[in-house]
Amino acid sequence: MREWTFSVPGDLQGWSQVYDLTPPVVDGICLQAAATGPDPQLVLAASPAVPVTSRHFVEIELSSDKAGVAELF
């Protein structure tokens, strides 16, 4: 299983901002960044090699202080 817990302050674990996003910060609890434009993008430097079957799933937790629509790719 691949997991990003962001439990070590400053350790981005390969994630970085690309567009319309403040530099991400890891505070030991979570990774945080703020949108600065209409198309904020956060990417993982290397695609994780994770073998999958029909019994695997992905759980992603996101939050925002603004209403609206988000896309996840």
C-alpha atoms as a PDB file:
ATOM      1  CA  MET A   1       0.000   0.000   0.000  1.00  0.00           C
ATOM      2  CA  ARG A   2       1.220   3.534  -0.771  1.00  0.00           C
ATOM      3  CA  GLU A   3       0.407   6.217   1.768  1.00  0.00           C
ATOM      4  CA  TRP A   4       1.308   9.877   2.245  1.00  0.00           C
ATOM      5  CA  THR A   5       0.786  10.843   5.883  1.00  0.00           C
ATOM      6  CA  PHE A   6       2.830  14.087   5.910  1.00  0.00           C
ATOM      7  CA  SER A   7       3.870  13.367   9.501  1.00  0.00           C
ATOM      8  CA  VAL A   8       7.376  14.859   9.137  1.00  0.00           C
ATOM      9  CA  PRO A   9       7.424  18.682   9.002  1.00  0.00           C
ATOM     10  CA  GLY A  10       8.953  19.934   5.755  1.00  0.00           C
ATOM     11  CA  ASP A  11       8.876  16.537   3.998  1.00  0.00           C
ATOM     12  CA  LEU A  12       6.767  16.990   0.860  1.00  0.00           C
ATOM     13  CA  GLN A  13       7.302  13.339  -0.116  1.00  0.00           C
ATOM     14  CA  GLY A  14       7.741  14.271  -3.797  1.00  0.00           C
ATOM     15  CA  TRP A  15       4.745  16.621  -4.140  1.00  0.00           C
ATOM     16  CA  SER A  16       5.172  20.123  -5.611  1.00  0.00           C
ATOM     17  CA  GLN A  17       3.089  22.971  -6.988  1.00  0.00           C
ATOM     18  CA  VAL A  18       2.917  23.584 -10.733  1.00  0.00           C
ATOM     19  CA  TYR A  19       0.424  26.396 -11.342  1.00  0.00           C
ATOM     20  CA  ASP A  20      -1.710  28.835  -9.360  1.00  0.00           C
ATOM     21  CA  LEU A  21      -0.741  27.495  -5.944  1.00  0.00           C
ATOM     22  CA  THR A  22       1.361  28.752  -3.049  1.00  0.00           C
ATOM     23  CA  PRO A  23       4.362  26.561  -2.227  1.00  0.00           C
ATOM     24  CA  PRO A  24       3.046  23.549  -0.317  1.00  0.00           C
ATOM     25  CA  VAL A  25       3.949  23.224   3.366  1.00  0.00           C
ATOM     26  CA  VAL A  26       4.000  20.059   5.456  1.00  0.00           C
ATOM     27  CA  ASP A  27       3.482  20.837   9.136  1.00  0.00           C
ATOM     28  CA  GLY A  28       3.646  17.305  10.540  1.00  0.00           C
ATOM     29  CA  ILE A  29      -0.108  16.744  10.235  1.00  0.00           C
ATOM     30  CA  CYS A  30      -0.955  17.513   6.615  1.00  0.00           C
ATOM     31  CA  LEU A  31       0.192  19.114   3.372  1.00  0.00           C
ATOM     32  CA  GLN A  32      -1.244  22.608   2.918  1.00  0.00           C
ATOM     33  CA  ALA A  33      -1.289  25.033  -0.011  1.00  0.00           C
ATOM     34  CA  ALA A  34      -3.549  27.865  -1.143  1.00  0.00           C
ATOM     35  CA  ALA A  35      -4.953  28.521  -4.605  1.00  0.00           C
ATOM     36  CA  THR A  36      -3.631  31.724  -6.143  1.00  0.00           C
ATOM     37  CA  GLY A  37      -5.463  31.494  -9.457  1.00  0.00           C
ATOM     38  CA  PRO A  38      -8.138  29.623 -11.404  1.00  0.00           C
ATOM     39  CA  ASP A  39      -6.171  26.415 -12.109  1.00  0.00           C
ATOM     40  CA  PRO A  40      -4.172  25.317  -9.035  1.00  0.00           C
ATOM     41  CA  GLN A  41      -2.158  22.159  -9.613  1.00  0.00           C
ATOM     42  CA  LEU A  42      -0.225  19.937  -7.222  1.00  0.00           C
ATOM     43  CA  VAL A  43       1.720  17.012  -8.699  1.00  0.00           C
ATOM     44  CA  LEU A  44       3.718  14.027  -7.532  1.00  0.00           C
ATOM     45  CA  ALA A  45       7.220  13.958  -9.059  1.00  0.00           C
ATOM     46  CA  ALA A  46       7.167  10.222  -9.820  1.00  0.00           C
ATOM     47  CA  SER A  47       4.144   8.042 -10.426  1.00  0.00           C
ATOM     48  CA  PRO A  48       3.898   5.440  -7.685  1.00  0.00           C
ATOM     49  CA  ALA A  49       4.199   1.866  -8.888  1.00  0.00           C
ATOM     50  CA  VAL A  50       1.235   0.300  -7.144  1.00  0.00           C
ATOM     51  CA  PRO A  51      -0.128  -3.041  -8.321  1.00  0.00           C
ATOM     52  CA  VAL A  52      -3.914  -2.949  -8.341  1.00  0.00           C
ATOM     53  CA  THR A  53      -6.804  -5.362  -8.591  1.00  0.00           C
ATOM     54  CA  SER A  54     -10.560  -4.903  -8.439  1.00  0.00           C
ATOM     55  CA  ARG A  55     -10.288  -5.087  -4.625  1.00  0.00           C
ATOM     56  CA  HIS A  56      -8.066  -2.015  -4.278  1.00  0.00           C
ATOM     57  CA  PHE A  57      -9.350   1.496  -3.721  1.00  0.00           C
ATOM     58  CA  VAL A  58      -8.090   5.041  -3.292  1.00  0.00           C
ATOM     59  CA  GLU A  59      -9.060   7.280  -0.400  1.00  0.00           C
ATOM     60  CA  ILE A  60      -8.347  10.991  -0.731  1.00  0.00           C
ATOM     61  CA  GLU A  61      -9.271  13.633   1.816  1.00  0.00           C
ATOM     62  CA  LEU A  62      -9.403  17.255   0.676  1.00  0.00           C
ATOM     63  CA  SER A  63     -10.798  20.378   2.266  1.00  0.00           C
ATOM     64  CA  SER A  64     -11.365  23.969   1.211  1.00  0.00           C
ATOM     65  CA  ASP A  65     -12.620  27.156   2.813  1.00  0.00           C
ATOM     66  CA  LYS A  66     -14.287  28.187  -0.484  1.00  0.00           C
ATOM     67  CA  ALA A  67     -17.341  26.770  -2.214  1.00  0.00           C
ATOM     68  CA  GLY A  68     -16.986  25.549  -5.775  1.00  0.00           C
ATOM     69  CA  VAL A  69     -15.985  22.679  -8.015  1.00  0.00           C
ATOM     70  CA  ALA A  70     -12.698  20.764  -7.997  1.00  0.00           C
ATOM     71  CA  GLU A  71     -11.199  18.247 -10.391  1.00  0.00           C
ATOM     72  CA  LEU A  72      -8.905  15.407  -9.395  1.00  0.00           C
ATOM     73  CA  PHE A  73      -6.806  13.595 -12.006  1.00  0.00           C
END
